[in-house]
C-alpha cells in the first residue's frame, strides 16, 4: 500500500532535481549569451557558441531555442532568451500519476546594457 507513494516521491524528487539543474544551466547560458551580445559588433554565432558551452548537456544543446532581441546598433540594451522543452531536460517519470512534462518549457531570460 505504501510502495506506490514511495515510488512516486522518489520519481518526483529525481524529476524536480533534474529540472532544477537544467533551469540553473539555462540561467547561466542566458547570462553568458547576453554578456557576449552586449558587445558592439557581436554576432548570433558567437552568442550561440557561448550558450552551448554553458548548457553542457547534449539533450539540452540539441533542443534549445535562442532568441536575441537587439534593437540595432544604437540600442542601449540587449535581451537573450534561452528555452528548452522540459522533456529534453528530464525524463517524464510522473506521467503515470497524471503530471506530464509534455508541451511545457523551461526558459531563462537575461537583459543587459550594451557596452
PDB file of N, CA and C in Angstrom:
ATOM      1  N   UNK A   1       0.820  -1.192   0.000  1.00  0.00           N
ATOM      2  CA  UNK A   1       0.000   0.000   0.000  1.00  0.00           C
ATOM      3  C   UNK A   1       0.870   1.264   0.000  1.00  0.00           C
ATOM      4  N   UNK A   2       1.973   1.243   0.695  1.00  0.00           N
ATOM      5  CA  UNK A   2       2.845   2.408   0.801  1.00  0.00           C
ATOM      6  C   UNK A   2       3.823   2.495  -0.373  1.00  0.00           C
ATOM      7  N   UNK A   3       4.101   1.371  -1.011  1.00  0.00           N
ATOM      8  CA  UNK A   3       5.099   1.322  -2.076  1.00  0.00           C
ATOM      9  C   UNK A   3       4.815   2.287  -3.233  1.00  0.00           C
ATOM     10  N   UNK A   4       3.591   2.392  -3.752  1.00  0.00           N
ATOM     11  CA  UNK A   4       3.354   3.355  -4.841  1.00  0.00           C
ATOM     12  C   UNK A   4       3.611   4.805  -4.425  1.00  0.00           C
ATOM     13  N   UNK A   5       3.320   5.143  -3.186  1.00  0.00           N
ATOM     14  CA  UNK A   5       3.562   6.504  -2.702  1.00  0.00           C
ATOM     15  C   UNK A   5       5.061   6.774  -2.616  1.00  0.00           C
ATOM     16  N   UNK A   6       5.811   5.810  -2.116  1.00  0.00           N
ATOM     17  CA  UNK A   6       7.265   5.967  -2.001  1.00  0.00           C
ATOM     18  C   UNK A   6       7.901   6.070  -3.385  1.00  0.00           C
ATOM     19  N   UNK A   7       7.456   5.234  -4.309  1.00  0.00           N
ATOM     20  CA  UNK A   7       7.986   5.294  -5.675  1.00  0.00           C
ATOM     21  C   UNK A   7       7.648   6.632  -6.320  1.00  0.00           C
ATOM     22  N   UNK A   8       6.425   7.119  -6.113  1.00  0.00           N
ATOM     23  CA  UNK A   8       6.039   8.426  -6.632  1.00  0.00           C
ATOM     24  C   UNK A   8       6.897   9.546  -6.064  1.00  0.00           C
ATOM     25  N   UNK A   9       7.196   9.494  -4.782  1.00  0.00           N
ATOM     26  CA  UNK A   9       8.057  10.507  -4.168  1.00  0.00           C
ATOM     27  C   UNK A   9       9.485  10.444  -4.694  1.00  0.00           C
ATOM     28  N   UNK A  10       9.991   9.240  -4.908  1.00  0.00           N
ATOM     29  CA  UNK A  10      11.339   9.087  -5.459  1.00  0.00           C
ATOM     30  C   UNK A  10      11.389   9.637  -6.874  1.00  0.00           C
ATOM     31  N   UNK A  11      10.409   9.278  -7.706  1.00  0.00           N
ATOM     32  CA  UNK A  11      10.355   9.786  -9.073  1.00  0.00           C
ATOM     33  C   UNK A  11      10.221  11.305  -9.095  1.00  0.00           C
ATOM     34  N   UNK A  12       9.401  11.841  -8.199  1.00  0.00           N
ATOM     35  CA  UNK A  12       9.215  13.296  -8.145  1.00  0.00           C
ATOM     36  C   UNK A  12      10.505  14.003  -7.752  1.00  0.00           C
ATOM     37  N   UNK A  13      11.228  13.457  -6.791  1.00  0.00           N
ATOM     38  CA  UNK A  13      12.472  14.112  -6.378  1.00  0.00           C
ATOM     39  C   UNK A  13      13.519  14.046  -7.485  1.00  0.00           C
ATOM     40  N   UNK A  14      13.581  12.938  -8.227  1.00  0.00           N
ATOM     41  CA  UNK A  14      14.525  12.838  -9.340  1.00  0.00           C
ATOM     42  C   UNK A  14      14.167  13.854 -10.422  1.00  0.00           C
ATOM     43  N   UNK A  15      12.899  13.895 -10.778  1.00  0.00           N
ATOM     44  CA  UNK A  15      12.463  14.801 -11.844  1.00  0.00           C
ATOM     45  C   UNK A  15      12.643  16.270 -11.462  1.00  0.00           C
ATOM     46  N   UNK A  16      12.290  16.632 -10.259  1.00  0.00           N
ATOM     47  CA  UNK A  16      12.441  18.017  -9.811  1.00  0.00           C
ATOM     48  C   UNK A  16      13.924  18.404  -9.759  1.00  0.00           C
ATOM     49  N   UNK A  17      14.764  17.497  -9.304  1.00  0.00           N
ATOM     50  CA  UNK A  17      16.199  17.777  -9.268  1.00  0.00           C
ATOM     51  C   UNK A  17      16.781  17.997 -10.651  1.00  0.00           C
ATOM     52  N   UNK A  18      16.378  17.181 -11.607  1.00  0.00           N
ATOM     53  CA  UNK A  18      16.884  17.339 -12.969  1.00  0.00           C
ATOM     54  C   UNK A  18      16.361  18.621 -13.609  1.00  0.00           C
ATOM     55  N   UNK A  19      15.100  18.971 -13.343  1.00  0.00           N
ATOM     56  CA  UNK A  19      14.540  20.210 -13.881  1.00  0.00           C
ATOM     57  C   UNK A  19      15.207  21.430 -13.251  1.00  0.00           C
ATOM     58  N   UNK A  20      15.496  21.372 -11.957  1.00  0.00           N
ATOM     59  CA  UNK A  20      16.157  22.482 -11.284  1.00  0.00           C
ATOM     60  C   UNK A  20      17.562  22.689 -11.842  1.00  0.00           C
ATOM     61  N   UNK A  21      18.297  21.583 -12.041  1.00  0.00           N
ATOM     62  CA  UNK A  21      19.640  21.675 -12.603  1.00  0.00           C
ATOM     63  C   UNK A  21      19.609  22.254 -14.009  1.00  0.00           C
ATOM     64  N   UNK A  22      18.663  21.801 -14.818  1.00  0.00           N
ATOM     65  CA  UNK A  22      18.538  22.335 -16.178  1.00  0.00           C
ATOM     66  C   UNK A  22      18.170  23.815 -16.145  1.00  0.00           C
ATOM     67  N   UNK A  23      17.332  24.208 -15.209  1.00  0.00           N
ATOM     68  CA  UNK A  23      16.972  25.622 -15.070  1.00  0.00           C
ATOM     69  C   UNK A  23      18.171  26.484 -14.710  1.00  0.00           C
ATOM     70  N   UNK A  24      19.032  25.973 -13.847  1.00  0.00           N
ATOM     71  CA  UNK A  24      20.246  26.705 -13.488  1.00  0.00           C
ATOM     72  C   UNK A  24      21.178  26.843 -14.690  1.00  0.00           C
ATOM     73  N   UNK A  25      21.277  25.783 -15.477  1.00  0.00           N
ATOM     74  CA  UNK A  25      22.112  25.845 -16.680  1.00  0.00           C
ATOM     75  C   UNK A  25      21.543  26.838 -17.697  1.00  0.00           C
ATOM     76  N   UNK A  26      20.224  26.891 -17.808  1.00  0.00           N
ATOM     77  CA  UNK A  26      19.604  27.851 -18.718  1.00  0.00           C
ATOM     78  C   UNK A  26      19.859  29.279 -18.254  1.00  0.00           C
ATOM     79  N   UNK A  27      19.771  29.521 -16.956  1.00  0.00           N
ATOM     80  CA  UNK A  27      20.071  30.855 -16.425  1.00  0.00           C
ATOM     81  C   UNK A  27      21.509  31.256 -16.742  1.00  0.00           C
ATOM     82  N   UNK A  28      22.427  30.341 -16.516  1.00  0.00           N
ATOM     83  CA  UNK A  28      23.838  30.613 -16.792  1.00  0.00           C
ATOM     84  C   UNK A  28      24.060  30.858 -18.284  1.00  0.00           C
ATOM     85  N   UNK A  29      23.393  30.071 -19.128  1.00  0.00           N
ATOM     86  CA  UNK A  29      23.548  30.221 -20.577  1.00  0.00           C
ATOM     87  C   UNK A  29      22.971  31.546 -21.064  1.00  0.00           C
ATOM     88  N   UNK A  30      21.816  31.951 -20.537  1.00  0.00           N
ATOM     89  CA  UNK A  30      21.217  33.225 -20.936  1.00  0.00           C
ATOM     90  C   UNK A  30      22.108  34.393 -20.516  1.00  0.00           C
ATOM     91  N   UNK A  31      22.663  34.323 -19.330  1.00  0.00           N
ATOM     92  CA  UNK A  31      23.569  35.387 -18.873  1.00  0.00           C
ATOM     93  C   UNK A  31      24.838  35.450 -19.714  1.00  0.00           C
ATOM     94  N   UNK A  32      25.407  34.290 -20.037  1.00  0.00           N
ATOM     95  CA  UNK A  32      26.624  34.270 -20.855  1.00  0.00           C
ATOM     96  C   UNK A  32      26.344  34.783 -22.259  1.00  0.00           C
ATOM     97  N   UNK A  33      25.228  34.368 -22.834  1.00  0.00           N
ATOM     98  CA  UNK A  33      24.864  34.852 -24.159  1.00  0.00           C
ATOM     99  C   UNK A  33      24.596  36.341 -24.174  1.00  0.00           C
ATOM    100  N   UNK A  34      23.974  36.839 -23.131  1.00  0.00           N
ATOM    101  CA  UNK A  34      23.670  38.266 -23.044  1.00  0.00           C
ATOM    102  C   UNK A  34      24.953  39.082 -22.852  1.00  0.00           C
ATOM    103  N   UNK A  35      25.889  38.537 -22.098  1.00  0.00           N
ATOM    104  CA  UNK A  35      27.164  39.220 -21.908  1.00  0.00           C
ATOM    105  C   UNK A  35      27.886  39.401 -23.242  1.00  0.00           C
ATOM    106  N   UNK A  36      27.876  38.350 -24.073  1.00  0.00           N
ATOM    107  CA  UNK A  36      28.529  38.422 -25.382  1.00  0.00           C
ATOM    108  C   UNK A  36      27.736  39.323 -26.319  1.00  0.00           C
ATOM    109  N   UNK A  37      26.418  39.219 -26.310  1.00  0.00           N
ATOM    110  CA  UNK A  37      25.582  40.025 -27.203  1.00  0.00           C
ATOM    111  C   UNK A  37      25.644  41.509 -26.843  1.00  0.00           C
ATOM    112  N   UNK A  38      26.073  41.827 -25.637  1.00  0.00           N
ATOM    113  CA  UNK A  38      26.165  43.219 -25.207  1.00  0.00           C
ATOM    114  C   UNK A  38      27.332  43.977 -25.802  1.00  0.00           C
ATOM    115  N   UNK A  39      28.289  43.279 -26.380  1.00  0.00           N
ATOM    116  CA  UNK A  39      29.419  43.949 -27.014  1.00  0.00           C
ATOM    117  C   UNK A  39      29.009  44.445 -28.392  1.00  0.00           C
ATOM    118  N   UNK A  40      29.480  45.597 -28.750  1.00  0.00           N
ATOM    119  CA  UNK A  40      29.206  46.139 -30.087  1.00  0.00           C
ATOM    120  C   UNK A  40      29.841  45.231 -31.141  1.00  0.00           C
ATOM    121  N   UNK A  41      29.087  44.920 -32.165  1.00  0.00           N
ATOM    122  CA  UNK A  41      29.585  44.088 -33.249  1.00  0.00           C
ATOM    123  C   UNK A  41      29.498  42.592 -33.002  1.00  0.00           C
ATOM    124  N   UNK A  42      28.876  42.174 -31.915  1.00  0.00           N
ATOM    125  CA  UNK A  42      28.735  40.746 -31.639  1.00  0.00           C
ATOM    126  C   UNK A  42      27.707  40.139 -32.593  1.00  0.00           C
ATOM    127  N   UNK A  43      27.949  38.894 -33.005  1.00  0.00           N
ATOM    128  CA  UNK A  43      27.009  38.226 -33.897  1.00  0.00           C
ATOM    129  C   UNK A  43      26.331  37.067 -33.183  1.00  0.00           C
ATOM    130  N   UNK A  44      25.276  36.547 -33.804  1.00  0.00           N
ATOM    131  CA  UNK A  44      24.477  35.485 -33.188  1.00  0.00           C
ATOM    132  C   UNK A  44      25.279  34.185 -33.087  1.00  0.00           C
ATOM    133  N   UNK A  45      26.211  33.970 -33.980  1.00  0.00           N
ATOM    134  CA  UNK A  45      27.019  32.745 -33.939  1.00  0.00           C
ATOM    135  C   UNK A  45      27.856  32.685 -32.661  1.00  0.00           C
ATOM    136  N   UNK A  46      28.463  33.795 -32.283  1.00  0.00           N
ATOM    137  CA  UNK A  46      29.258  33.805 -31.052  1.00  0.00           C
ATOM    138  C   UNK A  46      28.365  33.677 -29.816  1.00  0.00           C
ATOM    139  N   UNK A  47      27.183  34.288 -29.863  1.00  0.00           N
ATOM    140  CA  UNK A  47      26.240  34.142 -28.743  1.00  0.00           C
ATOM    141  C   UNK A  47      25.818  32.685 -28.619  1.00  0.00           C
ATOM    142  N   UNK A  48      25.493  32.059 -29.741  1.00  0.00           N
ATOM    143  CA  UNK A  48      25.077  30.654 -29.736  1.00  0.00           C
ATOM    144  C   UNK A  48      26.201  29.744 -29.207  1.00  0.00           C
ATOM    145  N   UNK A  49      27.435  30.020 -29.580  1.00  0.00           N
ATOM    146  CA  UNK A  49      28.568  29.214 -29.119  1.00  0.00           C
ATOM    147  C   UNK A  49      28.716  29.301 -27.598  1.00  0.00           C
ATOM    148  N   UNK A  50      28.586  30.498 -27.026  1.00  0.00           N
ATOM    149  CA  UNK A  50      28.701  30.653 -25.572  1.00  0.00           C
ATOM    150  C   UNK A  50      27.520  30.018 -24.844  1.00  0.00           C
ATOM    151  N   UNK A  51      26.337  30.112 -25.428  1.00  0.00           N
ATOM    152  CA  UNK A  51      25.165  29.469 -24.820  1.00  0.00           C
ATOM    153  C   UNK A  51      25.359  27.957 -24.785  1.00  0.00           C
ATOM    154  N   UNK A  52      25.818  27.376 -25.882  1.00  0.00           N
ATOM    155  CA  UNK A  52      26.031  25.926 -25.927  1.00  0.00           C
ATOM    156  C   UNK A  52      27.123  25.480 -24.970  1.00  0.00           C
ATOM    157  N   UNK A  53      28.151  26.299 -24.767  1.00  0.00           N
ATOM    158  CA  UNK A  53      29.194  25.963 -23.793  1.00  0.00           C
ATOM    159  C   UNK A  53      28.629  25.897 -22.385  1.00  0.00           C
ATOM    160  N   UNK A  54      27.664  26.746 -22.084  1.00  0.00           N
ATOM    161  CA  UNK A  54      27.092  26.767 -20.734  1.00  0.00           C
ATOM    162  C   UNK A  54      26.056  25.665 -20.514  1.00  0.00           C
ATOM    163  N   UNK A  55      25.383  25.233 -21.562  1.00  0.00           N
ATOM    164  CA  UNK A  55      24.354  24.202 -21.398  1.00  0.00           C
ATOM    165  C   UNK A  55      24.958  22.848 -21.034  1.00  0.00           C
ATOM    166  N   UNK A  56      26.057  22.483 -21.657  1.00  0.00           N
ATOM    167  CA  UNK A  56      26.880  21.327 -21.312  1.00  0.00           C
ATOM    168  C   UNK A  56      26.226  19.954 -21.434  1.00  0.00           C
ATOM    169  N   UNK A  57      24.915  19.839 -21.611  1.00  0.00           N
ATOM    170  CA  UNK A  57      24.269  18.536 -21.775  1.00  0.00           C
ATOM    171  C   UNK A  57      23.787  18.398 -23.202  1.00  0.00           C
ATOM    172  N   UNK A  58      24.063  17.262 -23.820  1.00  0.00           N
ATOM    173  CA  UNK A  58      23.753  17.077 -25.229  1.00  0.00           C
ATOM    174  C   UNK A  58      22.259  17.210 -25.511  1.00  0.00           C
ATOM    175  N   UNK A  59      21.409  16.706 -24.628  1.00  0.00           N
ATOM    176  CA  UNK A  59      19.965  16.814 -24.868  1.00  0.00           C
ATOM    177  C   UNK A  59      19.504  18.270 -24.818  1.00  0.00           C
ATOM    178  N   UNK A  60      20.135  19.077 -23.987  1.00  0.00           N
ATOM    179  CA  UNK A  60      19.785  20.498 -23.942  1.00  0.00           C
ATOM    180  C   UNK A  60      20.314  21.225 -25.173  1.00  0.00           C
ATOM    181  N   UNK A  61      21.521  20.899 -25.593  1.00  0.00           N
ATOM    182  CA  UNK A  61      22.125  21.565 -26.746  1.00  0.00           C
ATOM    183  C   UNK A  61      21.346  21.252 -28.020  1.00  0.00           C
ATOM    184  N   UNK A  62      20.861  20.038 -28.145  1.00  0.00           N
ATOM    185  CA  UNK A  62      20.135  19.653 -29.349  1.00  0.00           C
ATOM    186  C   UNK A  62      18.737  20.255 -29.426  1.00  0.00           C
ATOM    187  N   UNK A  63      18.150  20.639 -28.301  1.00  0.00           N
ATOM    188  CA  UNK A  63      16.745  21.047 -28.289  1.00  0.00           C
ATOM    189  C   UNK A  63      16.485  22.491 -27.879  1.00  0.00           C
ATOM    190  N   UNK A  64      17.505  23.283 -27.626  1.00  0.00           N
ATOM    191  CA  UNK A  64      17.264  24.629 -27.125  1.00  0.00           C
ATOM    192  C   UNK A  64      16.879  25.585 -28.251  1.00  0.00           C
ATOM    193  N   UNK A  65      16.205  26.662 -27.859  1.00  0.00           N
ATOM    194  CA  UNK A  65      15.874  27.743 -28.790  1.00  0.00           C
ATOM    195  C   UNK A  65      16.456  29.032 -28.219  1.00  0.00           C
ATOM    196  N   UNK A  66      17.040  29.824 -29.089  1.00  0.00           N
ATOM    197  CA  UNK A  66      17.688  31.069 -28.696  1.00  0.00           C
ATOM    198  C   UNK A  66      16.973  32.234 -29.360  1.00  0.00           C
ATOM    199  N   UNK A  67      16.695  33.252 -28.573  1.00  0.00           N
ATOM    200  CA  UNK A  67      16.080  34.467 -29.099  1.00  0.00           C
ATOM    201  C   UNK A  67      16.896  35.654 -28.586  1.00  0.00           C
ATOM    202  N   UNK A  68      17.486  36.390 -29.522  1.00  0.00           N
ATOM    203  CA  UNK A  68      18.270  37.571 -29.180  1.00  0.00           C
ATOM    204  C   UNK A  68      17.514  38.788 -29.676  1.00  0.00           C
ATOM    205  N   UNK A  69      17.099  39.647 -28.749  1.00  0.00           N
ATOM    206  CA  UNK A  69      16.389  40.872 -29.115  1.00  0.00           C
ATOM    207  C   UNK A  69      17.348  42.041 -28.997  1.00  0.00           C
ATOM    208  N   UNK A  70      17.720  42.528 -30.143  1.00  0.00           N
ATOM    209  CA  UNK A  70      18.648  43.639 -30.223  1.00  0.00           C
ATOM    210  C   UNK A  70      18.018  44.661 -31.153  1.00  0.00           C
ATOM    211  N   UNK A  71      17.825  45.859 -30.695  1.00  0.00           N
ATOM    212  CA  UNK A  71      17.124  46.875 -31.478  1.00  0.00           C
ATOM    213  C   UNK A  71      18.030  47.631 -32.433  1.00  0.00           C
ATOM    214  N   UNK A  72      19.156  47.081 -32.749  1.00  0.00           N
ATOM    215  CA  UNK A  72      20.043  47.740 -33.702  1.00  0.00           C
ATOM    216  C   UNK A  72      21.313  48.236 -33.052  1.00  0.00           C
ATOM    217  N   UNK A  73      22.163  48.851 -33.836  1.00  0.00           N
ATOM    218  CA  UNK A  73      23.468  49.280 -33.319  1.00  0.00           C
ATOM    219  C   UNK A  73      23.381  50.405 -32.294  1.00  0.00           C
ATOM    220  N   UNK A  74      22.301  51.175 -32.292  1.00  0.00           N
ATOM    221  CA  UNK A  74      22.180  52.278 -31.339  1.00  0.00           C
ATOM    222  C   UNK A  74      21.349  51.923 -30.113  1.00  0.00           C
ATOM    223  N   UNK A  75      20.985  50.662 -29.975  1.00  0.00           N
ATOM    224  CA  UNK A  75      20.184  50.239 -28.825  1.00  0.00           C
ATOM    225  C   UNK A  75      21.021  50.298 -27.556  1.00  0.00           C
ATOM    226  N   UNK A  76      20.356  50.541 -26.446  1.00  0.00           N
ATOM    227  CA  UNK A  76      21.053  50.625 -25.163  1.00  0.00           C
ATOM    228  C   UNK A  76      21.134  49.290 -24.441  1.00  0.00           C
ATOM    229  N   UNK A  77      20.243  48.358 -24.765  1.00  0.00           N
ATOM    230  CA  UNK A  77      20.250  47.071 -24.071  1.00  0.00           C
ATOM    231  C   UNK A  77      19.984  45.931 -25.053  1.00  0.00           C
ATOM    232  N   UNK A  78      20.270  44.742 -24.596  1.00  0.00           N
ATOM    233  CA  UNK A  78      20.045  43.527 -25.375  1.00  0.00           C
ATOM    234  C   UNK A  78      19.389  42.502 -24.451  1.00  0.00           C
ATOM    235  N   UNK A  79      18.491  41.696 -25.026  1.00  0.00           N
ATOM    236  CA  UNK A  79      17.767  40.680 -24.261  1.00  0.00           C
ATOM    237  C   UNK A  79      17.985  39.321 -24.926  1.00  0.00           C
ATOM    238  N   UNK A  80      18.413  38.346 -24.143  1.00  0.00           N
ATOM    239  CA  UNK A  80      18.637  36.991 -24.642  1.00  0.00           C
ATOM    240  C   UNK A  80      17.727  36.041 -23.875  1.00  0.00           C
ATOM    241  N   UNK A  81      16.960  35.238 -24.620  1.00  0.00           N
ATOM    242  CA  UNK A  81      16.080  34.239 -24.035  1.00  0.00           C
ATOM    243  C   UNK A  81      16.496  32.866 -24.539  1.00  0.00           C
ATOM    244  N   UNK A  82      16.681  31.936 -23.617  1.00  0.00           N
ATOM    245  CA  UNK A  82      17.020  30.554 -23.945  1.00  0.00           C
ATOM    246  C   UNK A  82      15.908  29.677 -23.382  1.00  0.00           C
ATOM    247  N   UNK A  83      15.335  28.823 -24.234  1.00  0.00           N
ATOM    248  CA  UNK A  83      14.276  27.929 -23.768  1.00  0.00           C
ATOM    249  C   UNK A  83      14.515  26.527 -24.302  1.00  0.00           C
ATOM    250  N   UNK A  84      14.006  25.560 -23.566  1.00  0.00           N
ATOM    251  CA  UNK A  84      14.158  24.153 -23.915  1.00  0.00           C
ATOM    252  C   UNK A  84      12.911  23.406 -23.439  1.00  0.00           C
ATOM    253  N   UNK A  85      12.442  22.410 -24.185  1.00  0.00           N
ATOM    254  CA  UNK A  85      11.302  21.619 -23.701  1.00  0.00           C
ATOM    255  C   UNK A  85      11.673  20.858 -22.426  1.00  0.00           C
ATOM    256  N   UNK A  86      10.732  20.743 -21.516  1.00  0.00           N
ATOM    257  CA  UNK A  86      11.010  20.038 -20.264  1.00  0.00           C
ATOM    258  C   UNK A  86      11.330  18.566 -20.500  1.00  0.00           C
ATOM    259  N   UNK A  87      10.798  17.981 -21.561  1.00  0.00           N
ATOM    260  CA  UNK A  87      11.099  16.571 -21.840  1.00  0.00           C
ATOM    261  C   UNK A  87      12.544  16.368 -22.244  1.00  0.00           C
ATOM    262  N   UNK A  88      13.225  17.415 -22.717  1.00  0.00           N
ATOM    263  CA  UNK A  88      14.646  17.310 -23.020  1.00  0.00           C
ATOM    264  C   UNK A  88      15.492  17.502 -21.770  1.00  0.00           C
ATOM    265  N   UNK A  89      14.921  18.114 -20.749  1.00  0.00           N
ATOM    266  CA  UNK A  89      15.662  18.385 -19.520  1.00  0.00           C
ATOM    267  C   UNK A  89      15.570  17.251 -18.504  1.00  0.00           C
ATOM    268  N   UNK A  90      14.461  16.501 -18.528  1.00  0.00           N
ATOM    269  CA  UNK A  90      14.265  15.436 -17.541  1.00  0.00           C
ATOM    270  C   UNK A  90      13.357  14.365 -18.136  1.00  0.00           C
ATOM    271  N   UNK A  91      13.495  13.124 -17.686  1.00  0.00           N
ATOM    272  CA  UNK A  91      12.565  12.092 -18.149  1.00  0.00           C
ATOM    273  C   UNK A  91      11.181  12.342 -17.574  1.00  0.00           C
ATOM    274  N   UNK A  92      10.173  11.942 -18.311  1.00  0.00           N
ATOM    275  CA  UNK A  92       8.783  12.171 -17.897  1.00  0.00           C
ATOM    276  C   UNK A  92       8.347  11.052 -16.955  1.00  0.00           C
ATOM    277  N   UNK A  93       8.854  11.070 -15.727  1.00  0.00           N
ATOM    278  CA  UNK A  93       8.619   9.990 -14.780  1.00  0.00           C
ATOM    279  C   UNK A  93       7.247  10.037 -14.127  1.00  0.00           C
ATOM    280  N   UNK A  94       6.651  11.209 -14.021  1.00  0.00           N
ATOM    281  CA  UNK A  94       5.382  11.344 -13.311  1.00  0.00           C
ATOM    282  C   UNK A  94       4.170  11.313 -14.231  1.00  0.00           C
ATOM    283  N   UNK A  95       4.361  10.924 -15.487  1.00  0.00           N
ATOM    284  CA  UNK A  95       3.221  10.901 -16.407  1.00  0.00           C
ATOM    285  C   UNK A  95       2.194   9.858 -15.977  1.00  0.00           C
ATOM    286  N   UNK A  96       2.634   8.794 -15.321  1.00  0.00           N
ATOM    287  CA  UNK A  96       1.693   7.770 -14.866  1.00  0.00           C
ATOM    288  C   UNK A  96       0.838   8.255 -13.692  1.00  0.00           C
ATOM    289  N   UNK A  97       1.258   9.325 -13.038  1.00  0.00           N
ATOM    290  CA  UNK A  97       0.482   9.902 -11.934  1.00  0.00           C
ATOM    291  C   UNK A  97      -0.358  11.094 -12.383  1.00  0.00           C
ATOM    292  N   UNK A  98      -0.308  11.410 -13.679  1.00  0.00           N
ATOM    293  CA  UNK A  98      -1.126  12.494 -14.199  1.00  0.00           C
ATOM    294  C   UNK A  98      -0.413  13.823 -14.347  1.00  0.00           C
ATOM    295  N   UNK A  99       0.874  13.882 -14.050  1.00  0.00           N
ATOM    296  CA  UNK A  99       1.634  15.112 -14.224  1.00  0.00           C
ATOM    297  C   UNK A  99       2.661  14.872 -15.325  1.00  0.00           C
ATOM    298  N   UNK A 100       2.380  15.381 -16.490  1.00  0.00           N
ATOM    299  CA  UNK A 100       3.243  15.149 -17.637  1.00  0.00           C
ATOM    300  C   UNK A 100       4.042  16.403 -17.970  1.00  0.00           C
ATOM    301  N   UNK A 101       5.219  16.214 -18.524  1.00  0.00           N
ATOM    302  CA  UNK A 101       6.071  17.321 -18.939  1.00  0.00           C
ATOM    303  C   UNK A 101       5.853  17.690 -20.407  1.00  0.00           C
ATOM    304  N   UNK A 102       4.983  16.973 -21.091  1.00  0.00           N
ATOM    305  CA  UNK A 102       4.710  17.255 -22.492  1.00  0.00           C
ATOM    306  C   UNK A 102       4.155  18.672 -22.647  1.00  0.00           C
ATOM    307  N   UNK A 103       4.589  19.349 -23.697  1.00  0.00           N
ATOM    308  CA  UNK A 103       4.130  20.707 -24.043  1.00  0.00           C
ATOM    309  C   UNK A 103       4.447  21.748 -22.968  1.00  0.00           C
ATOM    310  N   UNK A 104       5.476  21.526 -22.180  1.00  0.00           N
ATOM    311  CA  UNK A 104       5.937  22.501 -21.182  1.00  0.00           C
ATOM    312  C   UNK A 104       7.387  22.862 -21.487  1.00  0.00           C
ATOM    313  N   UNK A 105       7.752  24.085 -21.196  1.00  0.00           N
ATOM    314  CA  UNK A 105       9.118  24.520 -21.489  1.00  0.00           C
ATOM    315  C   UNK A 105       9.757  25.171 -20.276  1.00  0.00           C
ATOM    316  N   UNK A 106      11.051  25.064 -20.222  1.00  0.00           N
ATOM    317  CA  UNK A 106      11.874  25.824 -19.277  1.00  0.00           C
ATOM    318  C   UNK A 106      12.470  26.979 -20.061  1.00  0.00           C
ATOM    319  N   UNK A 107      12.503  28.148 -19.464  1.00  0.00           N
ATOM    320  CA  UNK A 107      13.132  29.266 -20.167  1.00  0.00           C
ATOM    321  C   UNK A 107      13.823  30.188 -19.167  1.00  0.00           C
ATOM    322  N   UNK A 108      14.826  30.856 -19.689  1.00  0.00           N
ATOM    323  CA  UNK A 108      15.572  31.838 -18.898  1.00  0.00           C
ATOM    324  C   UNK A 108      15.824  33.049 -19.778  1.00  0.00           C
ATOM    325  N   UNK A 109      15.765  34.213 -19.165  1.00  0.00           N
ATOM    326  CA  UNK A 109      15.936  35.461 -19.906  1.00  0.00           C
ATOM    327  C   UNK A 109      16.920  36.354 -19.159  1.00  0.00           C
ATOM    328  N   UNK A 110      17.769  37.024 -19.926  1.00  0.00           N
ATOM    329  CA  UNK A 110      18.729  37.959 -19.345  1.00  0.00           C
ATOM    330  C   UNK A 110      18.716  39.251 -20.168  1.00  0.00           C
ATOM    331  N   UNK A 111      18.757  40.380 -19.482  1.00  0.00           N
ATOM    332  CA  UNK A 111      18.794  41.685 -20.124  1.00  0.00           C
ATOM    333  C   UNK A 111      20.006  42.439 -19.575  1.00  0.00           C
ATOM    334  N   UNK A 112      20.817  42.980 -20.483  1.00  0.00           N
ATOM    335  CA  UNK A 112      21.996  43.743 -20.075  1.00  0.00           C
ATOM    336  C   UNK A 112      22.155  44.964 -20.969  1.00  0.00           C
ATOM    337  N   UNK A 113      22.833  45.955 -20.442  1.00  0.00           N
ATOM    338  CA  UNK A 113      23.143  47.156 -21.221  1.00  0.00           C
ATOM    339  C   UNK A 113      24.277  46.848 -22.184  1.00  0.00           C
ATOM    340  N   UNK A 114      24.230  47.480 -23.323  1.00  0.00           N
ATOM    341  CA  UNK A 114      25.313  47.319 -24.295  1.00  0.00           C
ATOM    342  C   UNK A 114      26.507  48.166 -23.893  1.00  0.00           C
ATOM    343  N   UNK A 115      27.666  47.692 -24.256  1.00  0.00           N
ATOM    344  CA  UNK A 115      28.895  48.446 -23.982  1.00  0.00           C
ATOM    345  C   UNK A 115      29.376  49.114 -25.240  1.00  0.00           C
TER     346      UNK A 115
END
